[in-house]
Amino acid sequence: MRAQLTITVNAAKWLIASAIISLPELQEAFKRGKIVLKGGTTVSCIAEKLVGINLRISGRITKRGTVGSLKDTNSPHSILIENGKWESIDDSFLEILLKLGPQDIFVTGANAIDLEGNAAMMAGSPAGGNPGIAFTALSTEGINTIIATSLDKLIPVKISDLIKKAGRKRCDFAMGMAVGLIPIHGRIITEVDALKIISNVDVTVIGHGGINGGEGSTTVIVEGNADSVKNAIEAVMSASKIHVSGTEDSLEECKPGSPGCSYHLSCFYAHKNKLKII
């Protein structure tokens, strides 16, 4: 059986979350180990499914560019899950990462992936804040890392070339806040991988993009036995009806002149030429 499906950006997040949660290694870590979830809309989907909590969303890309959240809420951005319970680790991120063992799992999102399986995350604050500084531990300690990100983040060049171009202090102007890039090493799981994991189907991407809510969508052909393909169809249709994950306050983006918005250092390089900002 063969079906053509269009997966919106938000539906992809929920498909990816479902697939990651179903992985045997994550199930094992949930029962007997530790799981660290680093905040982002896709990872927040995982947090919702695993422990029923939305994560605080920090940076995001909107039509205004790369921006932060309007309000600095008390909701956790990153959490540790152990023995079925969660706790915020926003003030102890590096300390917790260094305690993870080979049976534990770290899950993060990404802003860019390339065809060679490399990934990178945008950083708008100095050194990427506490998570950015701690990310070197992923490689030095051999932490089992899963990168949850959809194909709308696929770029046509190598991540290593991008990192040479990017840099917060190199921009004379930026839409939103200027960002740098932090390389991330781990297993990338996209919506294509998710469908294969969830439904055991073959998946071929035949197009990207859309309008009227379909912006950034991925259109695919899925193939397999009737039960598998029907399962894939149901998974996509179901995911297409779910909300954007993240705490409500943190989903509101920071705008010039908004109450509570201040041009901290991460925004400085976006506005230093004093050009009109929308």
C-alpha atoms as a PDB file:
ATOM      1  CA  MET A   1       0.000   0.000   0.000  1.00  0.00           C
ATOM      2  CA  ARG A   2       1.165   3.525  -0.754  1.00  0.00           C
ATOM      3  CA  ALA A   3       0.002   6.884   0.665  1.00  0.00           C
ATOM      4  CA  GLN A   4       0.988  10.511   0.151  1.00  0.00           C
ATOM      5  CA  LEU A   5       1.083  12.531   3.376  1.00  0.00           C
ATOM      6  CA  THR A   6       1.844  16.160   4.192  1.00  0.00           C
ATOM      7  CA  ILE A   7       3.395  16.710   7.619  1.00  0.00           C
ATOM      8  CA  THR A   8       3.235  20.236   9.018  1.00  0.00           C
ATOM      9  CA  VAL A   9       6.085  21.542  11.135  1.00  0.00           C
ATOM     10  CA  ASN A  10       4.114  21.172  14.358  1.00  0.00           C
ATOM     11  CA  ALA A  11       2.795  17.716  13.450  1.00  0.00           C
ATOM     12  CA  ALA A  12       6.399  16.666  12.808  1.00  0.00           C
ATOM     13  CA  LYS A  13       7.299  17.660  16.370  1.00  0.00           C
ATOM     14  CA  TRP A  14       4.650  15.366  17.844  1.00  0.00           C
ATOM     15  CA  LEU A  15       5.574  12.496  15.523  1.00  0.00           C
ATOM     16  CA  ILE A  16       9.220  12.849  16.522  1.00  0.00           C
ATOM     17  CA  ALA A  17       8.263  12.952  20.198  1.00  0.00           C
ATOM     18  CA  SER A  18       6.179   9.779  19.886  1.00  0.00           C
ATOM     19  CA  ALA A  19       8.995   7.969  18.104  1.00  0.00           C
ATOM     20  CA  ILE A  20      11.646   8.969  20.632  1.00  0.00           C
ATOM     21  CA  ILE A  21       9.483   7.926  23.553  1.00  0.00           C
ATOM     22  CA  SER A  22       8.985   4.506  21.953  1.00  0.00           C
ATOM     23  CA  LEU A  23      12.726   3.831  21.632  1.00  0.00           C
ATOM     24  CA  PRO A  24      13.811   0.885  23.808  1.00  0.00           C
ATOM     25  CA  GLU A  25      16.789   2.821  25.185  1.00  0.00           C
ATOM     26  CA  LEU A  26      14.596   5.706  26.286  1.00  0.00           C
ATOM     27  CA  GLN A  27      12.064   3.355  27.857  1.00  0.00           C
ATOM     28  CA  GLU A  28      14.907   1.686  29.747  1.00  0.00           C
ATOM     29  CA  ALA A  29      16.289   5.047  30.892  1.00  0.00           C
ATOM     30  CA  PHE A  30      12.812   6.072  32.028  1.00  0.00           C
ATOM     31  CA  LYS A  31      12.492   2.932  34.143  1.00  0.00           C
ATOM     32  CA  ARG A  32      16.005   2.555  35.509  1.00  0.00           C
ATOM     33  CA  GLY A  33      18.100   5.566  34.558  1.00  0.00           C
ATOM     34  CA  LYS A  34      17.970   9.290  33.946  1.00  0.00           C
ATOM     35  CA  ILE A  35      16.658  11.409  31.092  1.00  0.00           C
ATOM     36  CA  VAL A  36      17.562  15.050  30.578  1.00  0.00           C
ATOM     37  CA  LEU A  37      15.332  17.129  28.306  1.00  0.00           C
ATOM     38  CA  LYS A  38      16.737  20.436  27.051  1.00  0.00           C
ATOM     39  CA  GLY A  39      13.919  22.912  26.352  1.00  0.00           C
ATOM     40  CA  GLY A  40      12.504  23.529  22.881  1.00  0.00           C
ATOM     41  CA  THR A  41       9.104  23.036  21.259  1.00  0.00           C
ATOM     42  CA  THR A  42       9.846  19.504  20.041  1.00  0.00           C
ATOM     43  CA  VAL A  43      11.436  18.456  23.312  1.00  0.00           C
ATOM     44  CA  SER A  44       8.504  20.019  25.170  1.00  0.00           C
ATOM     45  CA  CYS A  45       6.272  17.561  23.294  1.00  0.00           C
ATOM     46  CA  ILE A  46       8.352  14.759  24.793  1.00  0.00           C
ATOM     47  CA  ALA A  47       8.047  16.270  28.268  1.00  0.00           C
ATOM     48  CA  GLU A  48       4.268  16.488  27.856  1.00  0.00           C
ATOM     49  CA  LYS A  49       4.006  12.873  26.807  1.00  0.00           C
ATOM     50  CA  LEU A  50       6.420  11.510  29.413  1.00  0.00           C
ATOM     51  CA  VAL A  51       5.624  13.492  32.568  1.00  0.00           C
ATOM     52  CA  GLY A  52       2.780  15.849  31.664  1.00  0.00           C
ATOM     53  CA  ILE A  53       4.674  19.142  31.780  1.00  0.00           C
ATOM     54  CA  ASN A  54       5.244  21.903  29.216  1.00  0.00           C
ATOM     55  CA  LEU A  55       8.744  23.362  29.018  1.00  0.00           C
ATOM     56  CA  ARG A  56       9.634  27.048  28.879  1.00  0.00           C
ATOM     57  CA  ILE A  57      10.558  28.041  25.339  1.00  0.00           C
ATOM     58  CA  SER A  58      13.515  30.379  25.070  1.00  0.00           C
ATOM     59  CA  GLY A  59      14.656  31.329  21.568  1.00  0.00           C
ATOM     60  CA  ARG A  60      12.539  30.864  18.470  1.00  0.00           C
ATOM     61  CA  ILE A  61      12.393  31.955  14.821  1.00  0.00           C
ATOM     62  CA  THR A  62       9.375  33.991  13.735  1.00  0.00           C
ATOM     63  CA  LYS A  63       8.694  36.297  10.795  1.00  0.00           C
ATOM     64  CA  ARG A  64      10.567  38.979  12.754  1.00  0.00           C
ATOM     65  CA  GLY A  65      13.693  36.848  12.868  1.00  0.00           C
ATOM     66  CA  THR A  66      15.518  35.139  15.736  1.00  0.00           C
ATOM     67  CA  VAL A  67      13.857  36.314  18.933  1.00  0.00           C
ATOM     68  CA  GLY A  68      13.475  35.366  22.575  1.00  0.00           C
ATOM     69  CA  SER A  69      10.437  35.062  24.818  1.00  0.00           C
ATOM     70  CA  LEU A  70       8.637  38.105  26.203  1.00  0.00           C
ATOM     71  CA  LYS A  71       8.421  36.891  29.769  1.00  0.00           C
ATOM     72  CA  ASP A  72      11.050  35.240  31.963  1.00  0.00           C
ATOM     73  CA  THR A  73       8.723  32.742  33.616  1.00  0.00           C
ATOM     74  CA  ASN A  74       9.516  30.410  36.465  1.00  0.00           C
ATOM     75  CA  SER A  75       8.682  27.381  34.343  1.00  0.00           C
ATOM     76  CA  PRO A  76      11.582  24.981  33.731  1.00  0.00           C
ATOM     77  CA  HIS A  77      13.454  25.126  30.454  1.00  0.00           C
ATOM     78  CA  SER A  78      15.402  21.901  31.043  1.00  0.00           C
ATOM     79  CA  ILE A  79      14.439  19.018  33.289  1.00  0.00           C
ATOM     80  CA  LEU A  80      15.828  15.804  34.728  1.00  0.00           C
ATOM     81  CA  ILE A  81      13.503  12.803  34.766  1.00  0.00           C
ATOM     82  CA  GLU A  82      14.358  10.065  37.264  1.00  0.00           C
ATOM     83  CA  ASN A  83      12.139   7.395  38.816  1.00  0.00           C
ATOM     84  CA  GLY A  84       9.207   8.742  36.833  1.00  0.00           C
ATOM     85  CA  LYS A  85       9.485  12.208  38.395  1.00  0.00           C
ATOM     86  CA  TRP A  86      10.890  15.452  37.004  1.00  0.00           C
ATOM     87  CA  GLU A  87      12.805  18.376  38.438  1.00  0.00           C
ATOM     88  CA  SER A  88      14.097  21.605  36.949  1.00  0.00           C
ATOM     89  CA  ILE A  89      17.849  21.692  36.303  1.00  0.00           C
ATOM     90  CA  ASP A  90      18.083  25.220  34.914  1.00  0.00           C
ATOM     91  CA  ASP A  91      20.489  26.162  37.712  1.00  0.00           C
ATOM     92  CA  SER A  92      22.484  22.928  37.643  1.00  0.00           C
ATOM     93  CA  PHE A  93      22.588  21.949  33.972  1.00  0.00           C
ATOM     94  CA  LEU A  94      26.319  21.174  33.709  1.00  0.00           C
ATOM     95  CA  GLU A  95      26.407  19.462  37.078  1.00  0.00           C
ATOM     96  CA  ILE A  96      23.596  17.110  36.062  1.00  0.00           C
ATOM     97  CA  LEU A  97      25.065  16.370  32.620  1.00  0.00           C
ATOM     98  CA  LEU A  98      28.356  15.345  34.196  1.00  0.00           C
ATOM     99  CA  LYS A  99      26.513  12.808  36.332  1.00  0.00           C
ATOM    100  CA  LEU A 100      24.865  11.031  33.398  1.00  0.00           C
ATOM    101  CA  GLY A 101      26.081   7.526  32.659  1.00  0.00           C
ATOM    102  CA  PRO A 102      26.008   5.288  29.560  1.00  0.00           C
ATOM    103  CA  GLN A 103      22.504   4.050  30.405  1.00  0.00           C
ATOM    104  CA  ASP A 104      21.120   7.611  30.563  1.00  0.00           C
ATOM    105  CA  ILE A 105      19.841   9.820  27.738  1.00  0.00           C
ATOM    106  CA  PHE A 106      20.056  13.504  26.857  1.00  0.00           C
ATOM    107  CA  VAL A 107      17.499  14.900  24.396  1.00  0.00           C
ATOM    108  CA  THR A 108      17.778  18.247  22.659  1.00  0.00           C
ATOM    109  CA  GLY A 109      16.487  19.983  19.567  1.00  0.00           C
ATOM    110  CA  ALA A 110      18.506  21.704  16.832  1.00  0.00           C
ATOM    111  CA  ASN A 111      18.171  24.639  14.455  1.00  0.00           C
ATOM    112  CA  ALA A 112      20.177  23.203  11.584  1.00  0.00           C
ATOM    113  CA  ILE A 113      21.051  19.752  10.271  1.00  0.00           C
ATOM    114  CA  ASP A 114      23.031  18.791   7.179  1.00  0.00           C
ATOM    115  CA  LEU A 115      23.093  15.824   4.842  1.00  0.00           C
ATOM    116  CA  GLU A 116      26.099  14.346   6.649  1.00  0.00           C
ATOM    117  CA  GLY A 117      24.198  13.894   9.898  1.00  0.00           C
ATOM    118  CA  ASN A 118      25.594  16.931  11.709  1.00  0.00           C
ATOM    119  CA  ALA A 119      23.513  19.346  13.766  1.00  0.00           C
ATOM    120  CA  ALA A 120      23.822  22.764  15.382  1.00  0.00           C
ATOM    121  CA  MET A 121      21.817  24.931  17.752  1.00  0.00           C
ATOM    122  CA  MET A 122      21.463  28.706  17.593  1.00  0.00           C
ATOM    123  CA  ALA A 123      22.677  30.665  20.612  1.00  0.00           C
ATOM    124  CA  GLY A 124      21.494  34.214  21.231  1.00  0.00           C
ATOM    125  CA  SER A 125      22.985  34.681  24.700  1.00  0.00           C
ATOM    126  CA  PRO A 126      26.720  34.827  25.514  1.00  0.00           C
ATOM    127  CA  ALA A 127      28.238  31.358  24.968  1.00  0.00           C
ATOM    128  CA  GLY A 128      24.697  29.994  24.676  1.00  0.00           C
ATOM    129  CA  GLY A 129      24.022  30.467  28.380  1.00  0.00           C
ATOM    130  CA  ASN A 130      24.472  27.588  30.812  1.00  0.00           C
ATOM    131  CA  PRO A 131      23.367  24.923  28.287  1.00  0.00           C
ATOM    132  CA  GLY A 132      25.762  26.246  25.658  1.00  0.00           C
ATOM    133  CA  ILE A 133      28.692  26.155  28.031  1.00  0.00           C
ATOM    134  CA  ALA A 134      27.740  22.646  29.142  1.00  0.00           C
ATOM    135  CA  PHE A 135      27.318  21.187  25.658  1.00  0.00           C
ATOM    136  CA  THR A 136      30.977  20.194  25.427  1.00  0.00           C
ATOM    137  CA  ALA A 137      30.156  17.578  28.072  1.00  0.00           C
ATOM    138  CA  LEU A 138      28.050  15.708  25.527  1.00  0.00           C
ATOM    139  CA  SER A 139      31.186  14.750  23.626  1.00  0.00           C
ATOM    140  CA  THR A 140      33.792  14.621  26.387  1.00  0.00           C
ATOM    141  CA  GLU A 141      31.671  12.365  28.608  1.00  0.00           C
ATOM    142  CA  GLY A 142      30.207  10.232  25.815  1.00  0.00           C
ATOM    143  CA  ILE A 143      26.640  11.074  26.756  1.00  0.00           C
ATOM    144  CA  ASN A 144      23.948   9.235  24.784  1.00  0.00           C
ATOM    145  CA  THR A 145      22.414  12.157  22.869  1.00  0.00           C
ATOM    146  CA  ILE A 146      19.257  12.228  20.779  1.00  0.00           C
ATOM    147  CA  ILE A 147      18.620  15.250  18.552  1.00  0.00           C
ATOM    148  CA  ALA A 148      14.915  15.788  17.925  1.00  0.00           C
ATOM    149  CA  THR A 149      14.505  17.996  14.872  1.00  0.00           C
ATOM    150  CA  SER A 150      12.364  18.135  11.749  1.00  0.00           C
ATOM    151  CA  LEU A 151      13.429  18.321   8.120  1.00  0.00           C
ATOM    152  CA  ASP A 152      12.537  22.008   7.890  1.00  0.00           C
ATOM    153  CA  LYS A 153      15.920  22.481   9.616  1.00  0.00           C
ATOM    154  CA  LEU A 154      17.823  20.764   6.779  1.00  0.00           C
ATOM    155  CA  ILE A 155      20.383  23.095   5.178  1.00  0.00           C
ATOM    156  CA  PRO A 156      22.193  22.761   1.816  1.00  0.00           C
ATOM    157  CA  VAL A 157      25.737  23.178   3.189  1.00  0.00           C
ATOM    158  CA  LYS A 158      27.913  21.611   5.866  1.00  0.00           C
ATOM    159  CA  ILE A 159      27.378  22.601   9.490  1.00  0.00           C
ATOM    160  CA  SER A 160      31.125  23.143   9.835  1.00  0.00           C
ATOM    161  CA  ASP A 161      30.988  25.809   7.106  1.00  0.00           C
ATOM    162  CA  LEU A 162      28.031  27.510   8.780  1.00  0.00           C
ATOM    163  CA  ILE A 163      29.797  27.812  12.100  1.00  0.00           C
ATOM    164  CA  LYS A 164      32.632  29.702  10.409  1.00  0.00           C
ATOM    165  CA  LYS A 165      30.134  32.258   9.073  1.00  0.00           C
ATOM    166  CA  ALA A 166      27.945  32.725  12.133  1.00  0.00           C
ATOM    167  CA  GLY A 167      28.754  34.637  15.309  1.00  0.00           C
ATOM    168  CA  ARG A 168      26.820  36.978  17.563  1.00  0.00           C
ATOM    169  CA  LYS A 169      29.432  39.733  17.423  1.00  0.00           C
ATOM    170  CA  ARG A 170      30.030  39.508  13.684  1.00  0.00           C
ATOM    171  CA  CYS A 171      26.663  40.958  12.643  1.00  0.00           C
ATOM    172  CA  ASP A 172      26.143  44.667  12.056  1.00  0.00           C
ATOM    173  CA  PHE A 173      22.404  44.078  11.825  1.00  0.00           C
ATOM    174  CA  ALA A 174      20.095  41.183  12.583  1.00  0.00           C
ATOM    175  CA  MET A 175      16.372  40.605  12.378  1.00  0.00           C
ATOM    176  CA  GLY A 176      15.796  39.927  16.068  1.00  0.00           C
ATOM    177  CA  MET A 177      18.898  38.991  18.025  1.00  0.00           C
ATOM    178  CA  ALA A 178      22.128  37.981  16.344  1.00  0.00           C
ATOM    179  CA  VAL A 179      23.003  34.339  16.997  1.00  0.00           C
ATOM    180  CA  GLY A 180      25.960  32.032  16.860  1.00  0.00           C
ATOM    181  CA  LEU A 181      25.929  28.259  16.358  1.00  0.00           C
ATOM    182  CA  ILE A 182      26.803  25.448  18.741  1.00  0.00           C
ATOM    183  CA  PRO A 183      27.587  22.062  17.133  1.00  0.00           C
ATOM    184  CA  ILE A 184      25.722  19.077  18.592  1.00  0.00           C
ATOM    185  CA  HIS A 185      26.674  15.452  18.125  1.00  0.00           C
ATOM    186  CA  GLY A 186      24.163  12.643  18.493  1.00  0.00           C
ATOM    187  CA  ARG A 187      21.463  10.592  16.812  1.00  0.00           C
ATOM    188  CA  ILE A 188      19.185  12.806  14.723  1.00  0.00           C
ATOM    189  CA  ILE A 189      15.538  11.805  14.555  1.00  0.00           C
ATOM    190  CA  THR A 190      13.344  13.613  12.004  1.00  0.00           C
ATOM    191  CA  GLU A 191       9.724  13.071  10.993  1.00  0.00           C
ATOM    192  CA  VAL A 192      10.935  10.592   8.344  1.00  0.00           C
ATOM    193  CA  ASP A 193      12.765   8.583  10.989  1.00  0.00           C
ATOM    194  CA  ALA A 194       9.736   8.923  13.258  1.00  0.00           C
ATOM    195  CA  LEU A 195       7.353   7.364  10.743  1.00  0.00           C
ATOM    196  CA  LYS A 196       9.766   4.495  10.168  1.00  0.00           C
ATOM    197  CA  ILE A 197      10.028   3.900  13.922  1.00  0.00           C
ATOM    198  CA  ILE A 198       6.321   4.280  14.657  1.00  0.00           C
ATOM    199  CA  SER A 199       4.840   2.490  11.649  1.00  0.00           C
ATOM    200  CA  ASN A 200       7.613   0.414  10.053  1.00  0.00           C
ATOM    201  CA  VAL A 201       7.073   1.983   6.618  1.00  0.00           C
ATOM    202  CA  ASP A 202       9.388   3.148   3.855  1.00  0.00           C
ATOM    203  CA  VAL A 203       9.337   6.940   3.565  1.00  0.00           C
ATOM    204  CA  THR A 204      10.360   9.109   0.595  1.00  0.00           C
ATOM    205  CA  VAL A 205      10.342  12.903   0.746  1.00  0.00           C
ATOM    206  CA  ILE A 206       8.873  14.406  -2.427  1.00  0.00           C
ATOM    207  CA  GLY A 207       8.486  18.071  -1.464  1.00  0.00           C
ATOM    208  CA  HIS A 208       8.826  20.851   1.097  1.00  0.00           C
ATOM    209  CA  GLY A 209       6.964  24.023   1.931  1.00  0.00           C
ATOM    210  CA  GLY A 210       3.420  25.305   1.724  1.00  0.00           C
ATOM    211  CA  ILE A 211       1.075  28.190   2.585  1.00  0.00           C
ATOM    212  CA  ASN A 212      -1.966  28.842   4.796  1.00  0.00           C
ATOM    213  CA  GLY A 213      -0.552  26.967   7.764  1.00  0.00           C
ATOM    214  CA  GLY A 214       1.461  24.519   5.696  1.00  0.00           C
ATOM    215  CA  GLU A 215       4.648  26.617   5.707  1.00  0.00           C
ATOM    216  CA  GLY A 216       7.706  24.422   6.166  1.00  0.00           C
ATOM    217  CA  SER A 217       5.723  21.211   5.656  1.00  0.00           C
ATOM    218  CA  THR A 218       7.239  17.982   4.388  1.00  0.00           C
ATOM    219  CA  THR A 219       5.286  15.956   1.819  1.00  0.00           C
ATOM    220  CA  VAL A 220       6.179  12.269   1.714  1.00  0.00           C
ATOM    221  CA  ILE A 221       5.246   8.964   0.146  1.00  0.00           C
ATOM    222  CA  VAL A 222       4.927   6.124   2.642  1.00  0.00           C
ATOM    223  CA  GLU A 223       4.929   2.491   1.526  1.00  0.00           C
ATOM    224  CA  GLY A 224       4.427  -0.794   3.304  1.00  0.00           C
ATOM    225  CA  ASN A 225       1.787  -3.351   4.151  1.00  0.00           C
ATOM    226  CA  ALA A 226      -1.771  -2.076   4.606  1.00  0.00           C
ATOM    227  CA  ASP A 227      -1.687  -2.076   8.418  1.00  0.00           C
ATOM    228  CA  SER A 228       1.619  -0.204   8.572  1.00  0.00           C
ATOM    229  CA  VAL A 229       0.564   2.463   6.087  1.00  0.00           C
ATOM    230  CA  LYS A 230      -2.800   2.940   7.803  1.00  0.00           C
ATOM    231  CA  ASN A 231      -0.936   3.335  11.086  1.00  0.00           C
ATOM    232  CA  ALA A 232       1.257   6.026   9.509  1.00  0.00           C
ATOM    233  CA  ILE A 233      -1.791   7.845   8.127  1.00  0.00           C
ATOM    234  CA  GLU A 234      -3.474   7.815  11.530  1.00  0.00           C
ATOM    235  CA  ALA A 235      -0.309   9.021  13.242  1.00  0.00           C
ATOM    236  CA  VAL A 236       0.061  12.000  10.891  1.00  0.00           C
ATOM    237  CA  MET A 237      -3.628  12.923  11.024  1.00  0.00           C
ATOM    238  CA  SER A 238      -3.618  12.763  14.807  1.00  0.00           C
ATOM    239  CA  ALA A 239      -0.415  14.797  15.161  1.00  0.00           C
ATOM    240  CA  SER A 240      -1.841  17.438  12.832  1.00  0.00           C
ATOM    241  CA  LYS A 241      -4.535  18.276  15.396  1.00  0.00           C
ATOM    242  CA  ILE A 242      -2.295  18.878  18.429  1.00  0.00           C
ATOM    243  CA  HIS A 243      -1.311  22.248  19.868  1.00  0.00           C
ATOM    244  CA  VAL A 244       2.150  23.833  19.906  1.00  0.00           C
ATOM    245  CA  SER A 245       3.954  22.603  23.019  1.00  0.00           C
ATOM    246  CA  GLY A 246       5.519  24.996  25.515  1.00  0.00           C
ATOM    247  CA  THR A 247       4.362  27.075  28.465  1.00  0.00           C
ATOM    248  CA  GLU A 248       1.844  29.671  27.330  1.00  0.00           C
ATOM    249  CA  ASP A 249       3.752  32.690  28.643  1.00  0.00           C
ATOM    250  CA  SER A 250       7.022  31.644  27.033  1.00  0.00           C
ATOM    251  CA  LEU A 251       5.425  31.199  23.610  1.00  0.00           C
ATOM    252  CA  GLU A 252       4.834  34.960  23.455  1.00  0.00           C
ATOM    253  CA  GLU A 253       7.815  36.515  21.694  1.00  0.00           C
ATOM    254  CA  CYS A 254       9.822  39.492  22.863  1.00  0.00           C
ATOM    255  CA  LYS A 255       9.213  42.705  20.873  1.00  0.00           C
ATOM    256  CA  PRO A 256      10.820  46.155  21.059  1.00  0.00           C
ATOM    257  CA  GLY A 257       8.913  48.318  23.504  1.00  0.00           C
ATOM    258  CA  SER A 258       6.937  45.454  25.028  1.00  0.00           C
ATOM    259  CA  PRO A 259       6.544  45.479  28.843  1.00  0.00           C
ATOM    260  CA  GLY A 260       9.242  43.320  30.349  1.00  0.00           C
ATOM    261  CA  CYS A 261      11.390  43.378  27.225  1.00  0.00           C
ATOM    262  CA  SER A 262      14.853  44.811  27.676  1.00  0.00           C
ATOM    263  CA  TYR A 263      17.714  44.859  25.220  1.00  0.00           C
ATOM    264  CA  HIS A 264      20.068  42.620  27.143  1.00  0.00           C
ATOM    265  CA  LEU A 265      23.428  41.682  25.704  1.00  0.00           C
ATOM    266  CA  SER A 266      21.982  38.983  23.455  1.00  0.00           C
ATOM    267  CA  CYS A 267      19.937  41.631  21.631  1.00  0.00           C
ATOM    268  CA  PHE A 268      22.614  44.322  21.510  1.00  0.00           C
ATOM    269  CA  TYR A 269      24.181  43.257  18.260  1.00  0.00           C
ATOM    270  CA  ALA A 270      20.809  43.211  16.557  1.00  0.00           C
ATOM    271  CA  HIS A 271      20.204  46.871  17.303  1.00  0.00           C
ATOM    272  CA  LYS A 272      23.615  48.551  17.556  1.00  0.00           C
ATOM    273  CA  ASN A 273      23.204  50.413  14.260  1.00  0.00           C
ATOM    274  CA  LYS A 274      19.957  51.953  15.575  1.00  0.00           C
ATOM    275  CA  LEU A 275      17.991  50.963  12.512  1.00  0.00           C
ATOM    276  CA  LYS A 276      14.231  50.736  12.781  1.00  0.00           C
ATOM    277  CA  ILE A 277      13.223  47.343  14.156  1.00  0.00           C
ATOM    278  CA  ILE A 278       9.829  45.850  13.310  1.00  0.00           C
END
